[in-house]
Amino acid sequence: MKSFFSATPSVLSVAAGLMFALTGVAHADSASMPADVTASKTITYCSAVNLPPMEFFSPAQEPEGVDIELGTAIAKSLGYRTKFVNIPFAGLIPALLAGHCDAIMSQLFIKPPRLKVIDEIPYMYSQEGFILKAGAPKLTGPEALSGEKAASVTGTTATDLMNKANTALAAAGKPPITIVMFPENTPALQQVQFGQVTAYGVAYETALYYAHLDPGQFEVGGAPYFKILTGIGVSKQQPGLKAALTSALAGLMKDGTYAAIYMKWNLVADMLPAQ
């Protein structure tokens, strides 16, 4: 069985394709599903397919990752196929609200501002960290980047945490972090590789992935400094869909499918506790 240590897409490859389909085997319908889902026999997920090991394209441009596998397993358990629509991270919630997908499966942290506009079904914990160029000194947290440049992806918690650190730095009379924003993972990672920034603020899971994938280029910037519940995003207008996905997830946790996915990708520490 392949772990994320052996999933080796080129670090600088550009993800191609805006939409792709994964086939599930229909075996049990759910009356609580929206009419368009039952008609098409397909659950469509919005996902920013550019952030391994959660969701990314393989060298053959096939989607893979933790969220891809879990989202597909959830749909399959309900008797549906899956389709993933590749959306930049900052556009995920607008795309869901516009009806471009049925749910978001893209390591979306559960935060109060998001819960004001969508519902989220908890399915894992996530942590935050930094990617550094190999050989760089470790960081104790965002404040250690005072006076330095750091890359971040628009709309992510890493950006919020560095902005919060800047507030604390200003109060202490220290120079701020210069935050350089990017729409997705690949160009932010390149900034570290080419020495244009000191660090890239990103999910700790992604930092681990790249440190193992290319240790000659990258390393984890220290211990994770933030932990948060992560959820599947669903429109507040679709309570039946939320109930069906929640029930399916519970079933996968009970039958061992959920644990198998997280063990495969070496992310057991992020699993929710057994119910």
Protein backbone atom coordinates (compact mmCIF):
# COMPACT_ATOMS: atom_id res chain seq x y z
CA MET A 1 0.00 0.00 0.00
CA LYS A 2 1.42 3.39 -0.96
CA SER A 3 2.05 6.02 1.70
CA PHE A 4 2.53 9.70 1.03
CA PHE A 5 6.29 9.15 1.26
CA SER A 6 6.10 7.25 -2.03
CA ALA A 7 3.57 9.53 -3.73
CA THR A 8 6.07 11.56 -5.75
CA PRO A 9 4.62 14.20 -8.08
CA SER A 10 7.18 16.80 -9.21
CA VAL A 11 7.36 19.60 -6.66
CA LEU A 12 7.10 22.20 -9.38
CA SER A 13 4.53 20.50 -11.60
CA VAL A 14 1.51 22.60 -12.48
CA ALA A 15 -1.81 20.96 -11.69
CA ALA A 16 -3.86 20.58 -14.83
CA GLY A 17 -7.52 20.04 -15.41
CA LEU A 18 -10.44 21.84 -13.84
CA MET A 19 -12.70 18.85 -13.31
CA PHE A 20 -12.35 15.12 -13.01
CA ALA A 21 -14.53 12.21 -12.03
CA LEU A 22 -13.93 9.19 -9.83
CA THR A 23 -16.23 6.22 -10.14
CA GLY A 24 -17.98 4.72 -7.15
CA VAL A 25 -20.19 1.64 -7.08
CA ALA A 26 -23.82 2.45 -6.39
CA HIS A 27 -25.35 0.12 -3.85
CA ALA A 28 -27.52 2.15 -1.47
CA ASP A 29 -29.44 5.34 -2.16
CA SER A 30 -30.30 8.02 0.43
CA ALA A 31 -33.71 9.70 0.42
CA SER A 32 -32.27 12.75 2.14
CA MET A 33 -30.05 13.68 -0.80
CA PRO A 34 -30.85 16.72 -3.01
CA ALA A 35 -32.78 15.90 -6.16
CA ASP A 36 -29.91 16.78 -8.52
CA VAL A 37 -27.58 14.45 -6.63
CA THR A 38 -29.99 11.52 -6.78
CA ALA A 39 -30.70 12.23 -10.45
CA SER A 40 -27.03 12.27 -11.44
CA LYS A 41 -25.96 9.63 -8.91
CA THR A 42 -22.99 11.90 -8.24
CA ILE A 43 -21.74 13.97 -5.30
CA THR A 44 -19.72 16.93 -6.55
CA TYR A 45 -17.02 18.28 -4.26
CA CYS A 46 -15.18 21.59 -4.55
CA SER A 47 -11.50 21.15 -3.72
CA ALA A 48 -8.26 23.11 -4.11
CA VAL A 49 -6.36 20.21 -5.69
CA ASN A 50 -2.89 21.59 -5.09
CA LEU A 51 -2.01 20.81 -1.48
CA PRO A 52 -0.52 17.39 -0.80
CA PRO A 53 -1.01 15.11 1.00
CA MET A 54 -4.64 16.22 1.28
CA GLU A 55 -5.45 16.71 -2.42
CA PHE A 56 -3.13 16.90 -5.41
CA PHE A 57 -2.53 15.58 -8.91
CA SER A 58 -0.17 12.66 -9.46
CA PRO A 59 2.47 12.81 -12.25
CA ALA A 60 -0.16 11.14 -14.45
CA GLN A 61 -2.56 14.00 -13.56
CA GLU A 62 -4.77 11.69 -11.54
CA PRO A 63 -6.21 13.13 -8.31
CA GLU A 64 -5.11 11.60 -5.04
CA GLY A 65 -4.72 12.38 -1.37
CA VAL A 66 -6.50 12.03 1.94
CA ASP A 67 -9.50 14.19 1.09
CA ILE A 68 -9.88 12.59 -2.35
CA GLU A 69 -9.98 9.11 -0.86
CA LEU A 70 -12.24 9.99 2.05
CA GLY A 71 -14.67 12.00 -0.09
CA THR A 72 -14.86 9.13 -2.56
CA ALA A 73 -15.39 6.55 0.20
CA ILE A 74 -18.20 8.64 1.70
CA ALA A 75 -19.97 8.92 -1.64
CA LYS A 76 -19.47 5.25 -2.45
CA SER A 77 -20.95 4.20 0.88
CA LEU A 78 -24.09 6.11 -0.06
CA GLY A 79 -24.17 4.58 -3.54
CA TYR A 80 -22.87 7.56 -5.52
CA ARG A 81 -20.06 8.47 -7.85
CA THR A 82 -17.86 11.46 -7.07
CA LYS A 83 -16.74 14.46 -9.05
CA PHE A 84 -14.14 16.96 -7.80
CA VAL A 85 -14.10 20.51 -9.15
CA ASN A 86 -10.67 22.17 -8.80
CA ILE A 87 -11.13 25.65 -7.27
CA PRO A 88 -8.52 28.03 -5.77
CA PHE A 89 -8.76 27.86 -1.99
CA ALA A 90 -10.14 31.39 -1.55
CA GLY A 91 -12.96 30.55 -3.97
CA LEU A 92 -14.17 27.34 -2.32
CA ILE A 93 -16.97 28.79 -0.18
CA PRO A 94 -18.21 31.17 -2.91
CA ALA A 95 -18.30 28.22 -5.32
CA LEU A 96 -20.34 26.12 -2.87
CA LEU A 97 -22.77 28.98 -2.25
CA ALA A 98 -23.13 29.49 -6.00
CA GLY A 99 -24.13 25.85 -6.45
CA HIS A 100 -21.04 24.75 -8.36
CA CYS A 101 -20.66 21.77 -6.04
CA ASP A 102 -22.55 19.92 -3.32
CA ALA A 103 -19.84 20.04 -0.65
CA ILE A 104 -16.29 21.21 0.03
CA MET A 105 -13.62 18.57 0.66
CA SER A 106 -10.38 20.53 0.95
CA GLN A 107 -8.92 20.63 4.50
CA LEU A 108 -11.29 23.47 5.39
CA PHE A 109 -10.69 24.49 9.00
CA ILE A 110 -13.81 24.94 11.14
CA LYS A 111 -13.87 28.62 12.14
CA PRO A 112 -16.72 30.84 13.40
CA PRO A 113 -16.75 33.19 10.39
CA ARG A 114 -17.14 30.22 8.05
CA LEU A 115 -19.89 28.70 10.17
CA LYS A 116 -21.90 31.88 9.73
CA VAL A 117 -22.30 31.12 6.01
CA ILE A 118 -21.93 27.33 5.68
CA ASP A 119 -22.15 24.20 7.82
CA GLU A 120 -19.12 21.96 8.41
CA ILE A 121 -18.95 18.28 9.33
CA PRO A 122 -15.85 17.55 11.46
CA TYR A 123 -13.71 14.77 10.02
CA MET A 124 -10.11 15.39 11.21
CA TYR A 125 -7.75 17.68 13.07
CA SER A 126 -5.26 19.86 11.19
CA GLN A 127 -2.17 21.66 12.38
CA GLU A 128 -0.18 24.64 11.14
CA GLY A 129 3.54 24.94 10.52
CA PHE A 130 6.16 26.28 8.12
CA ILE A 131 8.20 24.98 5.20
CA LEU A 132 11.81 26.18 5.17
CA LYS A 133 14.68 25.75 2.77
CA ALA A 134 16.80 22.78 3.86
CA GLY A 135 19.39 23.80 6.44
CA ALA A 136 17.58 26.93 7.64
CA PRO A 137 17.24 27.52 11.41
CA LYS A 138 14.04 26.17 12.98
CA LEU A 139 11.26 28.55 14.01
CA THR A 140 9.54 28.72 17.39
CA GLY A 141 6.39 30.21 15.85
CA PRO A 142 5.24 33.02 13.55
CA GLU A 143 6.79 35.76 15.72
CA ALA A 144 10.22 34.31 14.94
CA LEU A 145 9.75 35.64 11.39
CA SER A 146 9.91 39.25 12.58
CA GLY A 147 11.54 41.33 9.84
CA GLU A 148 11.47 38.42 7.36
CA LYS A 149 9.43 37.59 4.27
CA ALA A 150 6.99 34.65 4.42
CA ALA A 151 4.79 33.16 1.70
CA SER A 152 1.14 32.25 2.25
CA VAL A 153 -1.91 31.21 0.23
CA THR A 154 -4.82 33.65 0.08
CA GLY A 155 -7.70 32.82 2.41
CA THR A 156 -5.79 30.38 4.61
CA THR A 157 -5.44 30.26 8.37
CA ALA A 158 -1.66 30.59 8.01
CA THR A 159 -2.24 34.12 6.72
CA ASP A 160 -4.53 34.93 9.65
CA LEU A 161 -1.99 33.60 12.15
CA MET A 162 0.84 35.64 10.66
CA ASN A 163 -1.33 38.76 10.67
CA LYS A 164 -2.09 38.08 14.34
CA ALA A 165 1.63 37.70 14.98
CA ASN A 166 2.21 41.07 13.29
CA THR A 167 -0.16 42.70 15.76
CA ALA A 168 1.84 41.26 18.65
CA LEU A 169 5.12 42.26 17.02
CA ALA A 170 3.91 45.84 16.54
CA ALA A 171 2.89 46.04 20.20
CA ALA A 172 6.39 44.88 21.14
CA GLY A 173 8.02 47.45 18.86
CA LYS A 174 9.45 44.75 16.56
CA PRO A 175 9.42 44.73 12.73
CA PRO A 176 6.52 42.83 11.15
CA ILE A 177 6.50 39.79 8.93
CA THR A 178 6.23 40.75 5.25
CA ILE A 179 3.51 38.35 4.05
CA VAL A 180 3.70 37.55 0.33
CA MET A 181 0.38 36.19 -0.91
CA PHE A 182 -0.19 33.57 -3.61
CA PRO A 183 -3.38 32.00 -5.00
CA GLU A 184 -2.15 28.42 -4.56
CA ASN A 185 0.54 26.17 -3.15
CA THR A 186 2.99 25.72 -6.04
CA PRO A 187 4.21 29.33 -6.47
CA ALA A 188 4.41 29.78 -2.70
CA LEU A 189 6.61 26.69 -2.46
CA GLN A 190 8.81 27.98 -5.27
CA GLN A 191 9.48 31.14 -3.27
CA VAL A 192 11.09 29.01 -0.56
CA GLN A 193 13.01 26.90 -3.06
CA PHE A 194 14.47 29.95 -4.80
CA GLY A 195 15.24 31.79 -1.56
CA GLN A 196 12.77 34.63 -2.16
CA VAL A 197 11.14 34.13 1.26
CA THR A 198 12.38 32.75 4.57
CA ALA A 199 9.37 30.49 5.12
CA TYR A 200 6.04 29.34 3.72
CA GLY A 201 3.18 29.24 6.23
CA VAL A 202 1.04 26.19 5.47
CA ALA A 203 -0.70 23.19 6.99
CA TYR A 204 1.77 21.12 9.01
CA GLU A 205 0.65 18.04 7.07
CA THR A 206 1.85 19.67 3.85
CA ALA A 207 5.14 20.73 5.44
CA LEU A 208 5.78 17.12 6.47
CA TYR A 209 4.93 15.91 2.97
CA TYR A 210 7.46 18.12 1.21
CA ALA A 211 10.17 17.56 3.82
CA HIS A 212 9.91 13.80 3.15
CA LEU A 213 9.44 14.19 -0.59
CA ASP A 214 12.50 16.38 -1.18
CA PRO A 215 14.68 16.67 1.96
CA GLY A 216 17.49 18.20 -0.06
CA GLN A 217 15.28 21.21 -0.80
CA PHE A 218 12.84 21.56 2.11
CA GLU A 219 12.45 20.94 5.80
CA VAL A 220 9.73 21.42 8.39
CA GLY A 221 10.13 24.74 10.19
CA GLY A 222 9.71 23.30 13.68
CA ALA A 223 6.93 21.80 15.76
CA PRO A 224 3.31 22.59 14.81
CA TYR A 225 2.06 25.68 16.61
CA PHE A 226 -1.69 25.52 16.00
CA LYS A 227 -4.34 22.75 15.94
CA ILE A 228 -7.94 22.97 14.76
CA LEU A 229 -10.90 20.83 13.75
CA THR A 230 -11.37 20.48 10.01
CA GLY A 231 -14.65 19.84 8.23
CA ILE A 232 -16.57 19.00 5.08
CA GLY A 233 -18.34 22.18 3.98
CA VAL A 234 -22.05 21.96 3.17
CA SER A 235 -24.62 24.63 2.32
CA LYS A 236 -26.98 25.56 5.14
CA GLN A 237 -29.75 25.08 2.59
CA GLN A 238 -29.02 21.34 2.38
CA PRO A 239 -29.63 19.80 5.84
CA GLY A 240 -30.51 16.46 4.27
CA LEU A 241 -27.16 16.27 2.49
CA LYS A 242 -25.35 17.19 5.70
CA ALA A 243 -27.17 14.42 7.56
CA ALA A 244 -26.37 11.85 4.87
CA LEU A 245 -22.67 12.75 4.74
CA THR A 246 -22.44 12.76 8.53
CA SER A 247 -24.01 9.31 8.73
CA ALA A 248 -21.75 7.96 5.98
CA LEU A 249 -18.64 9.30 7.70
CA ALA A 250 -19.70 7.66 10.98
CA GLY A 251 -20.10 4.37 9.14
CA LEU A 252 -16.58 4.61 7.68
CA MET A 253 -15.16 5.35 11.11
CA LYS A 254 -16.92 2.29 12.50
CA ASP A 255 -15.91 -0.17 9.75
CA GLY A 256 -12.23 0.83 9.67
CA THR A 257 -12.18 2.54 6.27
CA TYR A 258 -11.50 5.95 7.83
CA ALA A 259 -8.55 4.70 9.88
CA ALA A 260 -7.09 2.86 6.89
CA ILE A 261 -6.97 6.07 4.86
CA TYR A 262 -5.18 8.02 7.57
CA MET A 263 -2.73 5.18 8.23
CA LYS A 264 -1.94 4.98 4.52
CA TRP A 265 -1.00 8.67 4.47
CA ASN A 266 0.81 8.62 7.83
CA LEU A 267 -1.59 11.09 9.42
CA VAL A 268 -2.89 9.00 12.32
CA ALA A 269 -2.25 11.95 14.68
CA ASP A 270 -4.93 13.93 12.81
CA MET A 271 -7.70 11.35 13.14
CA LEU A 272 -10.79 12.07 15.17
CA PRO A 273 -11.15 9.78 18.20
CA ALA A 274 -13.33 6.72 17.72
CA GLN A 275 -16.96 7.28 18.66
